[in-house]
Amino acid sequence: MAFREDEARHRAKNAAANMTTLRDFVLALVKQDPSRKLGVANSRKRAGFDRHYLLQLIKGQPPAHA
């Protein structure tokens, strides 16, 4: 329950189905990251705070070594 789905209040039309699709997509992006050493919830937080990590996840690129 990395997204706290039990607390979601999506009731209008197909909002619940749309949010489920979006959650599944994001979960797949986070899980495919080979450099991930944190749990899913912490990786999501990292993507929220670190723009470079977020772009790395979206682009599907390996981490840049400096």
Protein backbone atom coordinates (compact mmCIF):
# COMPACT_ATOMS: atom_id res chain seq x y z
CA MET A 1 0.00 0.00 0.00
CA ALA A 2 2.62 2.51 -1.10
CA PHE A 3 0.01 5.00 -2.26
CA ARG A 4 -2.37 4.78 0.74
CA GLU A 5 -5.15 3.60 -1.56
CA ASP A 6 -7.45 2.81 1.35
CA GLU A 7 -7.67 6.51 2.18
CA ALA A 8 -8.48 7.63 -1.38
CA ARG A 9 -11.75 9.48 -1.95
CA HIS A 10 -12.13 9.24 -5.73
CA ARG A 11 -15.84 8.88 -6.35
CA ALA A 12 -16.66 10.94 -9.45
CA LYS A 13 -17.31 8.96 -12.64
CA ASN A 14 -14.17 7.05 -13.63
CA ALA A 15 -11.69 8.86 -11.39
CA ALA A 16 -10.98 5.73 -9.33
CA ALA A 17 -10.10 3.71 -12.44
CA ASN A 18 -7.90 6.52 -13.76
CA MET A 19 -6.03 6.79 -10.46
CA THR A 20 -5.52 3.02 -10.37
CA THR A 21 -3.99 3.12 -13.84
CA LEU A 22 -1.73 6.00 -12.86
CA ARG A 23 -0.64 4.25 -9.64
CA ASP A 24 0.17 1.04 -11.53
CA PHE A 25 2.22 3.00 -14.08
CA VAL A 26 4.21 4.83 -11.40
CA LEU A 27 4.76 1.64 -9.42
CA ALA A 28 6.16 -0.05 -12.53
CA LEU A 29 8.52 2.90 -13.15
CA VAL A 30 9.82 2.80 -9.59
CA LYS A 31 10.24 -0.98 -9.51
CA GLN A 32 12.20 -1.11 -12.77
CA ASP A 33 14.89 1.26 -11.45
CA PRO A 34 18.04 -0.89 -11.08
CA SER A 35 19.74 1.66 -8.83
CA ARG A 36 16.89 1.68 -6.29
CA LYS A 37 18.03 0.76 -2.80
CA LEU A 38 15.02 2.15 -0.97
CA GLY A 39 11.50 0.81 -0.65
CA VAL A 40 8.77 1.85 -3.02
CA ALA A 41 7.31 4.51 -0.71
CA ASN A 42 10.71 6.10 -0.07
CA SER A 43 11.59 5.98 -3.76
CA ARG A 44 8.38 7.85 -4.53
CA LYS A 45 9.29 10.47 -1.95
CA ARG A 46 12.77 10.76 -3.45
CA ALA A 47 11.24 11.31 -6.89
CA GLY A 48 9.06 14.04 -5.38
CA PHE A 49 12.03 15.88 -3.92
CA ASP A 50 14.77 15.12 -6.47
CA ARG A 51 13.96 16.31 -9.97
CA HIS A 52 16.96 14.52 -11.50
CA TYR A 53 15.82 11.18 -10.05
CA LEU A 54 12.28 11.81 -11.31
CA LEU A 55 13.52 12.50 -14.83
CA GLN A 56 15.73 9.40 -14.65
CA LEU A 57 12.67 7.30 -13.80
CA ILE A 58 10.56 8.83 -16.56
CA LYS A 59 13.23 8.50 -19.22
CA GLY A 60 14.22 5.00 -18.11
CA GLN A 61 17.88 5.93 -18.08
CA PRO A 62 20.47 4.44 -15.76
CA PRO A 63 21.81 6.82 -13.11
CA ALA A 64 24.48 9.26 -14.24
CA HIS A 65 27.77 8.67 -12.47
CA ALA A 66 29.59 11.86 -11.65
